[in-house]
């Protein structure tokens, strides 16, 4: 094979073909065979170029962190409120049948300085609704959010109605936003009973940008100087790759909920120790009973006249398992604590 190094801009295909023609056998220089050889050469070069491009594209394949993980502590919060939609064209609640609708309207009028009895209220252009919204993270005072309005009475349609000022509360009972505005309905209801048509759900609507945020939710992103990313789907390989890309070690830990759900608990134990000393301050009797902690290191290593050591098993409602040195830790601690007390009583501490 003849290799030629040049500085011109001749394509790699032409260089390869020229070198092939110069080194090919005379039989391959006939027109038909040469054309076929040229075709296979071009096919080979094309495959090489495609493989190189594919390898480069695979190497450049990246995934954004925000697509596979979330920042711990950054979350949305649900809000809910009770309100009234007015301005309906005789498609509202049947107030004479819904006592709470009349009471709601009466309370609203009384706050405006108008006193009226509930029996005198029989409008058909209002509907009682529940208003829901999602408070996004980092929402500031004055931020506008969308709200969803849903009828809770027997209104036939909310089309053309306006939501009256409604406080939206969180699960803690605090007001985080105020909602008000015209309701946009995605359905329609028309006609009279027996001759009507209804499309989609006219009793549910939205108020785009209909709520103003009044209270902010504090978000502590880097508690203790550490930012924690929580994977959307738990996977050790993804966690390791993410840590390698961020050049930070992987911290694997359980939450308190997971610990109390899946972990083994150290056995609850009762250890009863009784001992006596003779006149010379030496052990004369030793009574040691371990309940549920384990039998490891149960016997005493000290010289004693009469010794009685016993282990009593107990049934636990929780899954339990020994930590570190099995039961030896508990038995050693109980025995040495008893020996310290005996030494203090004998004046040899």
C-alpha atoms as a PDB file:
ATOM      1  CA  UNK A   1       0.000   0.000   0.000  1.00  0.00           C
ATOM      2  CA  UNK A   2       1.314   3.442  -0.966  1.00  0.00           C
ATOM      3  CA  UNK A   3       0.749   6.249   1.549  1.00  0.00           C
ATOM      4  CA  UNK A   4       1.057   9.834   0.310  1.00  0.00           C
ATOM      5  CA  UNK A   5       1.186  12.853   2.654  1.00  0.00           C
ATOM      6  CA  UNK A   6       0.059  16.084   1.030  1.00  0.00           C
ATOM      7  CA  UNK A   7      -0.908  19.519   2.244  1.00  0.00           C
ATOM      8  CA  UNK A   8      -3.606  20.218  -0.328  1.00  0.00           C
ATOM      9  CA  UNK A   9      -7.350  20.072   0.370  1.00  0.00           C
ATOM     10  CA  UNK A  10      -7.974  16.928  -1.617  1.00  0.00           C
ATOM     11  CA  UNK A  11     -10.706  14.823  -0.044  1.00  0.00           C
ATOM     12  CA  UNK A  12      -9.949  11.594   1.751  1.00  0.00           C
ATOM     13  CA  UNK A  13     -12.129   9.674  -0.753  1.00  0.00           C
ATOM     14  CA  UNK A  14     -10.012  10.750  -3.762  1.00  0.00           C
ATOM     15  CA  UNK A  15      -6.761   9.983  -1.953  1.00  0.00           C
ATOM     16  CA  UNK A  16      -7.951   6.507  -1.060  1.00  0.00           C
ATOM     17  CA  UNK A  17      -9.193   5.805  -4.590  1.00  0.00           C
ATOM     18  CA  UNK A  18      -5.973   7.005  -6.228  1.00  0.00           C
ATOM     19  CA  UNK A  19      -3.833   4.877  -3.920  1.00  0.00           C
ATOM     20  CA  UNK A  20      -6.068   1.873  -4.646  1.00  0.00           C
ATOM     21  CA  UNK A  21      -5.806   2.325  -8.411  1.00  0.00           C
ATOM     22  CA  UNK A  22      -2.018   2.657  -8.255  1.00  0.00           C
ATOM     23  CA  UNK A  23      -1.596  -0.538  -6.219  1.00  0.00           C
ATOM     24  CA  UNK A  24      -4.327  -2.674  -7.779  1.00  0.00           C
ATOM     25  CA  UNK A  25      -3.646  -5.579 -10.064  1.00  0.00           C
ATOM     26  CA  UNK A  26      -3.847  -5.083 -13.858  1.00  0.00           C
ATOM     27  CA  UNK A  27      -7.026  -7.164 -14.022  1.00  0.00           C
ATOM     28  CA  UNK A  28      -8.729  -4.654 -11.718  1.00  0.00           C
ATOM     29  CA  UNK A  29      -7.993  -1.806 -14.126  1.00  0.00           C
ATOM     30  CA  UNK A  30     -10.579  -2.940 -16.618  1.00  0.00           C
ATOM     31  CA  UNK A  31     -13.569  -0.533 -16.802  1.00  0.00           C
ATOM     32  CA  UNK A  32     -16.198  -2.843 -15.222  1.00  0.00           C
ATOM     33  CA  UNK A  33     -14.064  -4.132 -12.399  1.00  0.00           C
ATOM     34  CA  UNK A  34     -12.605  -0.686 -11.726  1.00  0.00           C
ATOM     35  CA  UNK A  35     -16.117   0.796 -11.479  1.00  0.00           C
ATOM     36  CA  UNK A  36     -17.195  -1.922  -9.053  1.00  0.00           C
ATOM     37  CA  UNK A  37     -14.056  -1.434  -6.976  1.00  0.00           C
ATOM     38  CA  UNK A  38     -14.661   2.311  -6.929  1.00  0.00           C
ATOM     39  CA  UNK A  39     -18.221   1.706  -5.644  1.00  0.00           C
ATOM     40  CA  UNK A  40     -17.046  -0.504  -2.775  1.00  0.00           C
ATOM     41  CA  UNK A  41     -14.363   1.992  -1.865  1.00  0.00           C
ATOM     42  CA  UNK A  42     -16.911   4.768  -1.643  1.00  0.00           C
ATOM     43  CA  UNK A  43     -19.202   2.554   0.446  1.00  0.00           C
ATOM     44  CA  UNK A  44     -16.343   1.732   2.826  1.00  0.00           C
ATOM     45  CA  UNK A  45     -15.396   5.382   3.250  1.00  0.00           C
ATOM     46  CA  UNK A  46     -19.057   6.340   3.867  1.00  0.00           C
ATOM     47  CA  UNK A  47     -19.419   3.684   6.544  1.00  0.00           C
ATOM     48  CA  UNK A  48     -16.239   4.861   8.252  1.00  0.00           C
ATOM     49  CA  UNK A  49     -17.445   8.468   8.273  1.00  0.00           C
ATOM     50  CA  UNK A  50     -20.860   7.440   9.623  1.00  0.00           C
ATOM     51  CA  UNK A  51     -19.315   5.345  12.385  1.00  0.00           C
ATOM     52  CA  UNK A  52     -17.042   8.212  13.395  1.00  0.00           C
ATOM     53  CA  UNK A  53     -19.952  10.683  13.496  1.00  0.00           C
ATOM     54  CA  UNK A  54     -22.053   8.251  15.522  1.00  0.00           C
ATOM     55  CA  UNK A  55     -19.270   7.760  18.041  1.00  0.00           C
ATOM     56  CA  UNK A  56     -18.827  11.495  18.438  1.00  0.00           C
ATOM     57  CA  UNK A  57     -22.568  12.023  18.912  1.00  0.00           C
ATOM     58  CA  UNK A  58     -22.679   9.308  21.595  1.00  0.00           C
ATOM     59  CA  UNK A  59     -19.734  10.884  23.391  1.00  0.00           C
ATOM     60  CA  UNK A  60     -21.473  14.255  23.315  1.00  0.00           C
ATOM     61  CA  UNK A  61     -24.754  12.854  24.654  1.00  0.00           C
ATOM     62  CA  UNK A  62     -25.613  14.707  27.863  1.00  0.00           C
ATOM     63  CA  UNK A  63     -28.535  14.845  30.255  1.00  0.00           C
ATOM     64  CA  UNK A  64     -29.537  17.897  32.229  1.00  0.00           C
ATOM     65  CA  UNK A  65     -29.510  17.499  35.991  1.00  0.00           C
ATOM     66  CA  UNK A  66     -32.959  19.101  36.268  1.00  0.00           C
ATOM     67  CA  UNK A  67     -34.384  16.270  34.137  1.00  0.00           C
ATOM     68  CA  UNK A  68     -33.280  13.485  36.481  1.00  0.00           C
ATOM     69  CA  UNK A  69     -33.134  15.134  39.902  1.00  0.00           C
ATOM     70  CA  UNK A  70     -34.802  17.711  42.096  1.00  0.00           C
ATOM     71  CA  UNK A  71     -33.357  19.991  44.733  1.00  0.00           C
ATOM     72  CA  UNK A  72     -34.439  18.807  48.128  1.00  0.00           C
ATOM     73  CA  UNK A  73     -36.698  21.369  49.812  1.00  0.00           C
ATOM     74  CA  UNK A  74     -37.903  22.949  46.560  1.00  0.00           C
ATOM     75  CA  UNK A  75     -41.546  21.987  46.127  1.00  0.00           C
ATOM     76  CA  UNK A  76     -44.974  23.363  45.313  1.00  0.00           C
ATOM     77  CA  UNK A  77     -47.777  23.766  47.852  1.00  0.00           C
ATOM     78  CA  UNK A  78     -51.513  23.278  47.399  1.00  0.00           C
ATOM     79  CA  UNK A  79     -53.990  26.021  48.320  1.00  0.00           C
ATOM     80  CA  UNK A  80     -57.767  25.870  48.725  1.00  0.00           C
ATOM     81  CA  UNK A  81     -60.556  28.332  49.424  1.00  0.00           C
ATOM     82  CA  UNK A  82     -64.343  28.686  49.491  1.00  0.00           C
ATOM     83  CA  UNK A  83     -65.980  31.435  47.431  1.00  0.00           C
ATOM     84  CA  UNK A  84     -68.848  32.649  45.298  1.00  0.00           C
ATOM     85  CA  UNK A  85     -69.199  33.082  41.554  1.00  0.00           C
ATOM     86  CA  UNK A  86     -71.741  35.757  40.588  1.00  0.00           C
ATOM     87  CA  UNK A  87     -73.146  37.134  37.348  1.00  0.00           C
ATOM     88  CA  UNK A  88     -74.541  33.832  36.037  1.00  0.00           C
ATOM     89  CA  UNK A  89     -77.454  33.848  33.626  1.00  0.00           C
ATOM     90  CA  UNK A  90     -79.939  31.945  35.790  1.00  0.00           C
ATOM     91  CA  UNK A  91     -77.594  28.929  35.833  1.00  0.00           C
ATOM     92  CA  UNK A  92     -76.438  29.226  39.445  1.00  0.00           C
ATOM     93  CA  UNK A  93     -77.319  27.338  42.612  1.00  0.00           C
ATOM     94  CA  UNK A  94     -80.930  26.940  43.583  1.00  0.00           C
ATOM     95  CA  UNK A  95     -80.572  29.033  46.691  1.00  0.00           C
ATOM     96  CA  UNK A  96     -83.952  28.052  48.062  1.00  0.00           C
ATOM     97  CA  UNK A  97     -82.711  24.444  48.231  1.00  0.00           C
ATOM     98  CA  UNK A  98     -79.130  25.082  49.387  1.00  0.00           C
ATOM     99  CA  UNK A  99     -79.062  26.603  52.866  1.00  0.00           C
ATOM    100  CA  UNK A 100     -75.290  27.111  52.873  1.00  0.00           C
ATOM    101  CA  UNK A 101     -75.525  29.128  49.631  1.00  0.00           C
ATOM    102  CA  UNK A 102     -77.990  31.547  51.260  1.00  0.00           C
ATOM    103  CA  UNK A 103     -75.856  31.807  54.377  1.00  0.00           C
ATOM    104  CA  UNK A 104     -72.762  32.529  52.277  1.00  0.00           C
ATOM    105  CA  UNK A 105     -74.521  35.325  50.404  1.00  0.00           C
ATOM    106  CA  UNK A 106     -75.933  36.716  53.658  1.00  0.00           C
ATOM    107  CA  UNK A 107     -72.466  36.802  55.260  1.00  0.00           C
ATOM    108  CA  UNK A 108     -71.034  38.545  52.207  1.00  0.00           C
ATOM    109  CA  UNK A 109     -73.726  41.231  52.267  1.00  0.00           C
ATOM    110  CA  UNK A 110     -73.346  41.745  56.031  1.00  0.00           C
ATOM    111  CA  UNK A 111     -69.605  42.386  55.609  1.00  0.00           C
ATOM    112  CA  UNK A 112     -70.585  45.126  53.178  1.00  0.00           C
ATOM    113  CA  UNK A 113     -73.004  46.677  55.674  1.00  0.00           C
ATOM    114  CA  UNK A 114     -76.225  45.242  54.246  1.00  0.00           C
ATOM    115  CA  UNK A 115     -78.526  43.347  56.607  1.00  0.00           C
ATOM    116  CA  UNK A 116     -80.939  40.887  55.044  1.00  0.00           C
ATOM    117  CA  UNK A 117     -82.535  37.627  56.174  1.00  0.00           C
ATOM    118  CA  UNK A 118     -81.737  34.339  54.508  1.00  0.00           C
ATOM    119  CA  UNK A 119     -85.412  33.737  53.669  1.00  0.00           C
ATOM    120  CA  UNK A 120     -85.447  36.827  51.464  1.00  0.00           C
ATOM    121  CA  UNK A 121     -82.508  35.647  49.360  1.00  0.00           C
ATOM    122  CA  UNK A 122     -83.537  33.696  46.275  1.00  0.00           C
ATOM    123  CA  UNK A 123     -81.111  34.650  43.492  1.00  0.00           C
ATOM    124  CA  UNK A 124     -80.223  32.272  40.672  1.00  0.00           C
ATOM    125  CA  UNK A 125     -77.184  34.103  39.356  1.00  0.00           C
ATOM    126  CA  UNK A 126     -74.670  32.917  41.974  1.00  0.00           C
ATOM    127  CA  UNK A 127     -72.904  29.632  42.676  1.00  0.00           C
ATOM    128  CA  UNK A 128     -70.865  28.407  45.635  1.00  0.00           C
ATOM    129  CA  UNK A 129     -67.485  27.076  44.560  1.00  0.00           C
ATOM    130  CA  UNK A 130     -64.245  25.645  45.852  1.00  0.00           C
ATOM    131  CA  UNK A 131     -61.161  27.432  44.552  1.00  0.00           C
ATOM    132  CA  UNK A 132     -57.870  25.534  44.274  1.00  0.00           C
ATOM    133  CA  UNK A 133     -54.409  26.643  43.216  1.00  0.00           C
ATOM    134  CA  UNK A 134     -50.777  25.538  43.292  1.00  0.00           C
ATOM    135  CA  UNK A 135     -48.283  27.872  44.929  1.00  0.00           C
ATOM    136  CA  UNK A 136     -44.961  27.397  43.091  1.00  0.00           C
ATOM    137  CA  UNK A 137     -41.636  27.524  44.903  1.00  0.00           C
ATOM    138  CA  UNK A 138     -39.918  30.908  45.219  1.00  0.00           C
ATOM    139  CA  UNK A 139     -43.223  32.744  44.649  1.00  0.00           C
ATOM    140  CA  UNK A 140     -42.942  36.350  45.865  1.00  0.00           C
ATOM    141  CA  UNK A 141     -45.589  38.754  47.074  1.00  0.00           C
ATOM    142  CA  UNK A 142     -47.537  40.031  44.106  1.00  0.00           C
ATOM    143  CA  UNK A 143     -46.845  36.978  41.935  1.00  0.00           C
ATOM    144  CA  UNK A 144     -49.899  35.947  39.904  1.00  0.00           C
ATOM    145  CA  UNK A 145     -50.959  32.302  39.739  1.00  0.00           C
ATOM    146  CA  UNK A 146     -53.814  30.458  38.011  1.00  0.00           C
ATOM    147  CA  UNK A 147     -56.760  29.143  40.000  1.00  0.00           C
ATOM    148  CA  UNK A 148     -59.354  26.466  39.298  1.00  0.00           C
ATOM    149  CA  UNK A 149     -62.985  27.066  40.232  1.00  0.00           C
ATOM    150  CA  UNK A 150     -65.325  24.100  40.809  1.00  0.00           C
ATOM    151  CA  UNK A 151     -68.998  24.231  41.696  1.00  0.00           C
ATOM    152  CA  UNK A 152     -70.040  22.420  44.880  1.00  0.00           C
ATOM    153  CA  UNK A 153     -73.767  23.124  44.604  1.00  0.00           C
ATOM    154  CA  UNK A 154     -76.353  22.372  41.923  1.00  0.00           C
ATOM    155  CA  UNK A 155     -75.323  25.117  39.510  1.00  0.00           C
ATOM    156  CA  UNK A 156     -75.753  24.178  35.858  1.00  0.00           C
ATOM    157  CA  UNK A 157     -72.967  26.337  34.454  1.00  0.00           C
ATOM    158  CA  UNK A 158     -70.339  28.872  35.528  1.00  0.00           C
ATOM    159  CA  UNK A 159     -70.163  30.468  32.092  1.00  0.00           C
ATOM    160  CA  UNK A 160     -70.016  34.263  32.232  1.00  0.00           C
ATOM    161  CA  UNK A 161     -69.493  34.347  36.007  1.00  0.00           C
ATOM    162  CA  UNK A 162     -67.019  36.292  38.107  1.00  0.00           C
ATOM    163  CA  UNK A 163     -65.259  34.927  41.161  1.00  0.00           C
ATOM    164  CA  UNK A 164     -65.581  37.196  44.182  1.00  0.00           C
ATOM    165  CA  UNK A 165     -62.508  37.863  46.341  1.00  0.00           C
ATOM    166  CA  UNK A 166     -61.592  34.516  47.916  1.00  0.00           C
ATOM    167  CA  UNK A 167     -58.765  33.839  50.383  1.00  0.00           C
ATOM    168  CA  UNK A 168     -56.708  30.742  49.573  1.00  0.00           C
ATOM    169  CA  UNK A 169     -55.257  28.875  52.536  1.00  0.00           C
ATOM    170  CA  UNK A 170     -52.601  26.222  52.975  1.00  0.00           C
ATOM    171  CA  UNK A 171     -52.768  23.125  55.149  1.00  0.00           C
ATOM    172  CA  UNK A 172     -51.551  25.223  58.086  1.00  0.00           C
ATOM    173  CA  UNK A 173     -54.620  27.467  57.863  1.00  0.00           C
ATOM    174  CA  UNK A 174     -52.658  30.545  56.812  1.00  0.00           C
ATOM    175  CA  UNK A 175     -53.806  32.701  53.885  1.00  0.00           C
ATOM    176  CA  UNK A 176     -51.197  32.663  51.122  1.00  0.00           C
ATOM    177  CA  UNK A 177     -53.098  34.183  48.184  1.00  0.00           C
ATOM    178  CA  UNK A 178     -56.273  36.061  47.243  1.00  0.00           C
ATOM    179  CA  UNK A 179     -58.249  35.063  44.144  1.00  0.00           C
ATOM    180  CA  UNK A 180     -60.717  37.090  42.091  1.00  0.00           C
ATOM    181  CA  UNK A 181     -61.646  37.541  38.446  1.00  0.00           C
ATOM    182  CA  UNK A 182     -63.781  36.354  35.516  1.00  0.00           C
ATOM    183  CA  UNK A 183     -64.133  32.593  35.124  1.00  0.00           C
ATOM    184  CA  UNK A 184     -63.179  30.936  31.833  1.00  0.00           C
ATOM    185  CA  UNK A 185     -65.192  27.766  31.229  1.00  0.00           C
ATOM    186  CA  UNK A 186     -64.085  25.036  28.833  1.00  0.00           C
ATOM    187  CA  UNK A 187     -67.608  23.634  28.448  1.00  0.00           C
ATOM    188  CA  UNK A 188     -70.996  24.926  27.416  1.00  0.00           C
ATOM    189  CA  UNK A 189     -74.557  24.201  28.441  1.00  0.00           C
ATOM    190  CA  UNK A 190     -77.549  25.565  26.541  1.00  0.00           C
ATOM    191  CA  UNK A 191     -81.252  24.904  26.166  1.00  0.00           C
ATOM    192  CA  UNK A 192     -84.120  24.159  28.482  1.00  0.00           C
ATOM    193  CA  UNK A 193     -84.928  20.983  30.425  1.00  0.00           C
ATOM    194  CA  UNK A 194     -85.897  18.320  27.927  1.00  0.00           C
ATOM    195  CA  UNK A 195     -84.243  20.163  25.055  1.00  0.00           C
ATOM    196  CA  UNK A 196     -80.674  21.012  26.061  1.00  0.00           C
ATOM    197  CA  UNK A 197     -77.127  20.283  25.044  1.00  0.00           C
ATOM    198  CA  UNK A 198     -74.001  20.120  27.207  1.00  0.00           C
ATOM    199  CA  UNK A 199     -70.371  19.931  26.071  1.00  0.00           C
ATOM    200  CA  UNK A 200     -67.502  19.084  28.462  1.00  0.00           C
ATOM    201  CA  UNK A 201     -67.890  20.354  32.040  1.00  0.00           C
ATOM    202  CA  UNK A 202     -69.448  23.816  32.330  1.00  0.00           C
ATOM    203  CA  UNK A 203     -69.349  23.666  36.146  1.00  0.00           C
ATOM    204  CA  UNK A 204     -65.537  23.813  36.282  1.00  0.00           C
ATOM    205  CA  UNK A 205     -63.516  26.791  35.100  1.00  0.00           C
ATOM    206  CA  UNK A 206     -60.246  28.632  35.483  1.00  0.00           C
ATOM    207  CA  UNK A 207     -59.187  32.165  36.286  1.00  0.00           C
ATOM    208  CA  UNK A 208     -55.860  32.736  34.523  1.00  0.00           C
ATOM    209  CA  UNK A 209     -53.526  34.777  36.733  1.00  0.00           C
ATOM    210  CA  UNK A 210     -56.513  35.162  39.014  1.00  0.00           C
ATOM    211  CA  UNK A 211     -54.716  34.986  42.368  1.00  0.00           C
ATOM    212  CA  UNK A 212     -52.130  37.280  43.933  1.00  0.00           C
ATOM    213  CA  UNK A 213     -49.611  35.799  46.339  1.00  0.00           C
ATOM    214  CA  UNK A 214     -49.778  37.579  49.710  1.00  0.00           C
ATOM    215  CA  UNK A 215     -47.491  35.408  51.824  1.00  0.00           C
ATOM    216  CA  UNK A 216     -44.139  33.899  50.863  1.00  0.00           C
ATOM    217  CA  UNK A 217     -42.891  30.468  51.887  1.00  0.00           C
ATOM    218  CA  UNK A 218     -39.318  30.497  53.128  1.00  0.00           C
ATOM    219  CA  UNK A 219     -37.070  27.964  51.382  1.00  0.00           C
ATOM    220  CA  UNK A 220     -33.748  26.944  52.899  1.00  0.00           C
ATOM    221  CA  UNK A 221     -31.803  25.489  49.990  1.00  0.00           C
ATOM    222  CA  UNK A 222     -28.378  25.019  51.500  1.00  0.00           C
ATOM    223  CA  UNK A 223     -29.011  24.029  55.104  1.00  0.00           C
ATOM    224  CA  UNK A 224     -25.684  23.442  56.784  1.00  0.00           C
ATOM    225  CA  UNK A 225     -23.835  24.644  53.687  1.00  0.00           C
ATOM    226  CA  UNK A 226     -24.946  21.630  51.626  1.00  0.00           C
ATOM    227  CA  UNK A 227     -27.189  21.390  48.565  1.00  0.00           C
ATOM    228  CA  UNK A 228     -28.970  18.048  48.264  1.00  0.00           C
ATOM    229  CA  UNK A 229     -30.198  16.611  44.954  1.00  0.00           C
ATOM    230  CA  UNK A 230     -32.909  13.941  45.112  1.00  0.00           C
ATOM    231  CA  UNK A 231     -33.176  11.643  42.086  1.00  0.00           C
ATOM    232  CA  UNK A 232     -36.619  11.317  40.529  1.00  0.00           C
ATOM    233  CA  UNK A 233     -35.960   7.572  40.185  1.00  0.00           C
ATOM    234  CA  UNK A 234     -33.666   5.975  42.758  1.00  0.00           C
ATOM    235  CA  UNK A 235     -30.653   4.432  41.041  1.00  0.00           C
ATOM    236  CA  UNK A 236     -27.151   3.958  42.434  1.00  0.00           C
ATOM    237  CA  UNK A 237     -25.513   4.109  38.999  1.00  0.00           C
ATOM    238  CA  UNK A 238     -27.136   7.447  38.186  1.00  0.00           C
ATOM    239  CA  UNK A 239     -26.180   8.792  41.614  1.00  0.00           C
ATOM    240  CA  UNK A 240     -22.558   7.768  41.088  1.00  0.00           C
ATOM    241  CA  UNK A 241     -22.422   9.335  37.618  1.00  0.00           C
ATOM    242  CA  UNK A 242     -24.009  12.544  38.894  1.00  0.00           C
ATOM    243  CA  UNK A 243     -21.516  12.730  41.750  1.00  0.00           C
ATOM    244  CA  UNK A 244     -18.622  12.147  39.349  1.00  0.00           C
ATOM    245  CA  UNK A 245     -19.870  14.922  37.050  1.00  0.00           C
ATOM    246  CA  UNK A 246     -20.253  17.288  40.006  1.00  0.00           C
ATOM    247  CA  UNK A 247     -16.919  16.127  41.478  1.00  0.00           C
ATOM    248  CA  UNK A 248     -18.584  15.513  44.808  1.00  0.00           C
ATOM    249  CA  UNK A 249     -18.928  12.271  46.825  1.00  0.00           C
ATOM    250  CA  UNK A 250     -22.228  10.434  47.038  1.00  0.00           C
ATOM    251  CA  UNK A 251     -23.951  10.721  50.409  1.00  0.00           C
ATOM    252  CA  UNK A 252     -26.321   7.805  50.958  1.00  0.00           C
ATOM    253  CA  UNK A 253     -28.571   8.189  53.974  1.00  0.00           C
ATOM    254  CA  UNK A 254     -31.978   7.070  55.154  1.00  0.00           C
ATOM    255  CA  UNK A 255     -34.729   9.378  56.237  1.00  0.00           C
ATOM    256  CA  UNK A 256     -36.232   8.893  59.666  1.00  0.00           C
ATOM    257  CA  UNK A 257     -39.371   7.477  58.062  1.00  0.00           C
ATOM    258  CA  UNK A 258     -37.378   4.899  56.099  1.00  0.00           C
ATOM    259  CA  UNK A 259     -35.371   3.983  59.170  1.00  0.00           C
ATOM    260  CA  UNK A 260     -38.452   3.270  61.268  1.00  0.00           C
ATOM    261  CA  UNK A 261     -40.080   1.400  58.372  1.00  0.00           C
ATOM    262  CA  UNK A 262     -37.266  -0.895  57.216  1.00  0.00           C
ATOM    263  CA  UNK A 263     -34.399  -0.830  59.691  1.00  0.00           C
ATOM    264  CA  UNK A 264     -33.700  -3.388  62.394  1.00  0.00           C
ATOM    265  CA  UNK A 265     -33.912  -2.032  65.916  1.00  0.00           C
ATOM    266  CA  UNK A 266     -31.466  -2.792  68.655  1.00  0.00           C
ATOM    267  CA  UNK A 267     -33.180  -5.195  71.040  1.00  0.00           C
ATOM    268  CA  UNK A 268     -34.840  -3.621  74.025  1.00  0.00           C
ATOM    269  CA  UNK A 269     -33.381  -5.324  77.076  1.00  0.00           C
ATOM    270  CA  UNK A 270     -33.624  -5.605  80.824  1.00  0.00           C
ATOM    271  CA  UNK A 271     -30.526  -6.822  82.707  1.00  0.00           C
ATOM    272  CA  UNK A 272     -30.937  -7.675  86.368  1.00  0.00           C
ATOM    273  CA  UNK A 273     -27.734  -7.927  88.441  1.00  0.00           C
ATOM    274  CA  UNK A 274     -27.493  -8.955  92.101  1.00  0.00           C
ATOM    275  CA  UNK A 275     -24.220  -9.607  93.947  1.00  0.00           C
ATOM    276  CA  UNK A 276     -22.843  -9.948  97.471  1.00  0.00           C
ATOM    277  CA  UNK A 277     -19.405  -9.379  98.981  1.00  0.00           C
ATOM    278  CA  UNK A 278     -17.716 -11.278 101.828  1.00  0.00           C
ATOM    279  CA  UNK A 279     -15.874  -9.644 104.744  1.00  0.00           C
ATOM    280  CA  UNK A 280     -12.724  -9.318 102.676  1.00  0.00           C
ATOM    281  CA  UNK A 281     -14.527  -7.449  99.896  1.00  0.00           C
ATOM    282  CA  UNK A 282     -14.477 -10.330  97.456  1.00  0.00           C
ATOM    283  CA  UNK A 283     -17.413 -11.561  95.387  1.00  0.00           C
ATOM    284  CA  UNK A 284     -19.294 -14.274  97.173  1.00  0.00           C
ATOM    285  CA  UNK A 285     -22.364 -14.552  94.920  1.00  0.00           C
ATOM    286  CA  UNK A 286     -23.318 -13.302  91.444  1.00  0.00           C
ATOM    287  CA  UNK A 287     -26.821 -13.342  89.922  1.00  0.00           C
ATOM    288  CA  UNK A 288     -27.002 -12.041  86.328  1.00  0.00           C
ATOM    289  CA  UNK A 289     -30.183 -12.306  84.182  1.00  0.00           C
ATOM    290  CA  UNK A 290     -30.336 -10.881  80.644  1.00  0.00           C
ATOM    291  CA  UNK A 291     -33.802 -10.465  79.100  1.00  0.00           C
ATOM    292  CA  UNK A 292     -33.839 -10.218  75.272  1.00  0.00           C
ATOM    293  CA  UNK A 293     -30.451  -8.537  74.732  1.00  0.00           C
ATOM    294  CA  UNK A 294     -28.440 -11.663  73.852  1.00  0.00           C
ATOM    295  CA  UNK A 295     -26.116 -14.313  75.268  1.00  0.00           C
ATOM    296  CA  UNK A 296     -22.706 -13.042  74.121  1.00  0.00           C
ATOM    297  CA  UNK A 297     -20.336 -12.360  77.059  1.00  0.00           C
ATOM    298  CA  UNK A 298     -23.038 -13.516  79.476  1.00  0.00           C
ATOM    299  CA  UNK A 299     -20.699 -15.259  81.948  1.00  0.00           C
ATOM    300  CA  UNK A 300     -18.659 -13.147  84.336  1.00  0.00           C
ATOM    301  CA  UNK A 301     -14.836 -13.272  84.038  1.00  0.00           C
ATOM    302  CA  UNK A 302     -14.388 -12.578  87.783  1.00  0.00           C
ATOM    303  CA  UNK A 303     -13.807 -15.229  90.425  1.00  0.00           C
ATOM    304  CA  UNK A 304     -16.964 -15.730  92.448  1.00  0.00           C
ATOM    305  CA  UNK A 305     -18.145 -18.343  94.892  1.00  0.00           C
ATOM    306  CA  UNK A 306     -21.660 -18.881  93.556  1.00  0.00           C
ATOM    307  CA  UNK A 307     -22.571 -17.661  90.058  1.00  0.00           C
ATOM    308  CA  UNK A 308     -25.891 -17.812  88.228  1.00  0.00           C
ATOM    309  CA  UNK A 309     -26.077 -16.326  84.702  1.00  0.00           C
ATOM    310  CA  UNK A 310     -29.142 -16.783  82.566  1.00  0.00           C
ATOM    311  CA  UNK A 311     -30.551 -15.474  79.272  1.00  0.00           C
ATOM    312  CA  UNK A 312     -34.329 -15.088  78.736  1.00  0.00           C
ATOM    313  CA  UNK A 313     -35.633 -14.545  75.196  1.00  0.00           C
ATOM    314  CA  UNK A 314     -38.630 -12.254  74.539  1.00  0.00           C
ATOM    315  CA  UNK A 315     -40.869 -11.627  71.549  1.00  0.00           C
ATOM    316  CA  UNK A 316     -40.638  -8.106  70.123  1.00  0.00           C
ATOM    317  CA  UNK A 317     -43.314  -6.421  67.948  1.00  0.00           C
ATOM    318  CA  UNK A 318     -40.511  -4.786  65.905  1.00  0.00           C
ATOM    319  CA  UNK A 319     -37.810  -6.335  63.755  1.00  0.00           C
ATOM    320  CA  UNK A 320     -34.651  -6.332  65.833  1.00  0.00           C
ATOM    321  CA  UNK A 321     -31.000  -7.042  65.230  1.00  0.00           C
ATOM    322  CA  UNK A 322     -27.784  -6.551  67.169  1.00  0.00           C
ATOM    323  CA  UNK A 323     -25.452  -3.661  66.476  1.00  0.00           C
ATOM    324  CA  UNK A 324     -21.647  -3.670  66.635  1.00  0.00           C
ATOM    325  CA  UNK A 325     -20.477  -6.295  69.183  1.00  0.00           C
ATOM    326  CA  UNK A 326     -23.791  -8.163  69.384  1.00  0.00           C
ATOM    327  CA  UNK A 327     -25.031  -8.637  72.964  1.00  0.00           C
ATOM    328  CA  UNK A 328     -21.533  -8.356  74.453  1.00  0.00           C
ATOM    329  CA  UNK A 329     -21.830  -4.571  74.539  1.00  0.00           C
ATOM    330  CA  UNK A 330     -24.912  -4.604  76.784  1.00  0.00           C
ATOM    331  CA  UNK A 331     -23.662  -7.398  79.033  1.00  0.00           C
ATOM    332  CA  UNK A 332     -20.219  -5.843  79.531  1.00  0.00           C
ATOM    333  CA  UNK A 333     -21.765  -2.461  80.336  1.00  0.00           C
ATOM    334  CA  UNK A 334     -24.225  -3.896  82.872  1.00  0.00           C
ATOM    335  CA  UNK A 335     -21.580  -6.089  84.541  1.00  0.00           C
ATOM    336  CA  UNK A 336     -18.929  -3.356  84.820  1.00  0.00           C
ATOM    337  CA  UNK A 337     -21.491  -0.865  86.111  1.00  0.00           C
ATOM    338  CA  UNK A 338     -22.454  -3.336  88.847  1.00  0.00           C
ATOM    339  CA  UNK A 339     -18.783  -3.922  89.664  1.00  0.00           C
ATOM    340  CA  UNK A 340     -18.228  -0.163  90.011  1.00  0.00           C
ATOM    341  CA  UNK A 341     -21.054   0.045  92.536  1.00  0.00           C
ATOM    342  CA  UNK A 342     -19.725  -2.953  94.476  1.00  0.00           C
ATOM    343  CA  UNK A 343     -16.235  -1.459  94.546  1.00  0.00           C
ATOM    344  CA  UNK A 344     -17.634   1.817  95.849  1.00  0.00           C
ATOM    345  CA  UNK A 345     -19.544  -0.003  98.610  1.00  0.00           C
ATOM    346  CA  UNK A 346     -16.399  -1.924  99.592  1.00  0.00           C
ATOM    347  CA  UNK A 347     -14.314   1.231  99.594  1.00  0.00           C
ATOM    348  CA  UNK A 348     -12.023  -0.113  96.875  1.00  0.00           C
ATOM    349  CA  UNK A 349     -13.124   2.103  94.009  1.00  0.00           C
END
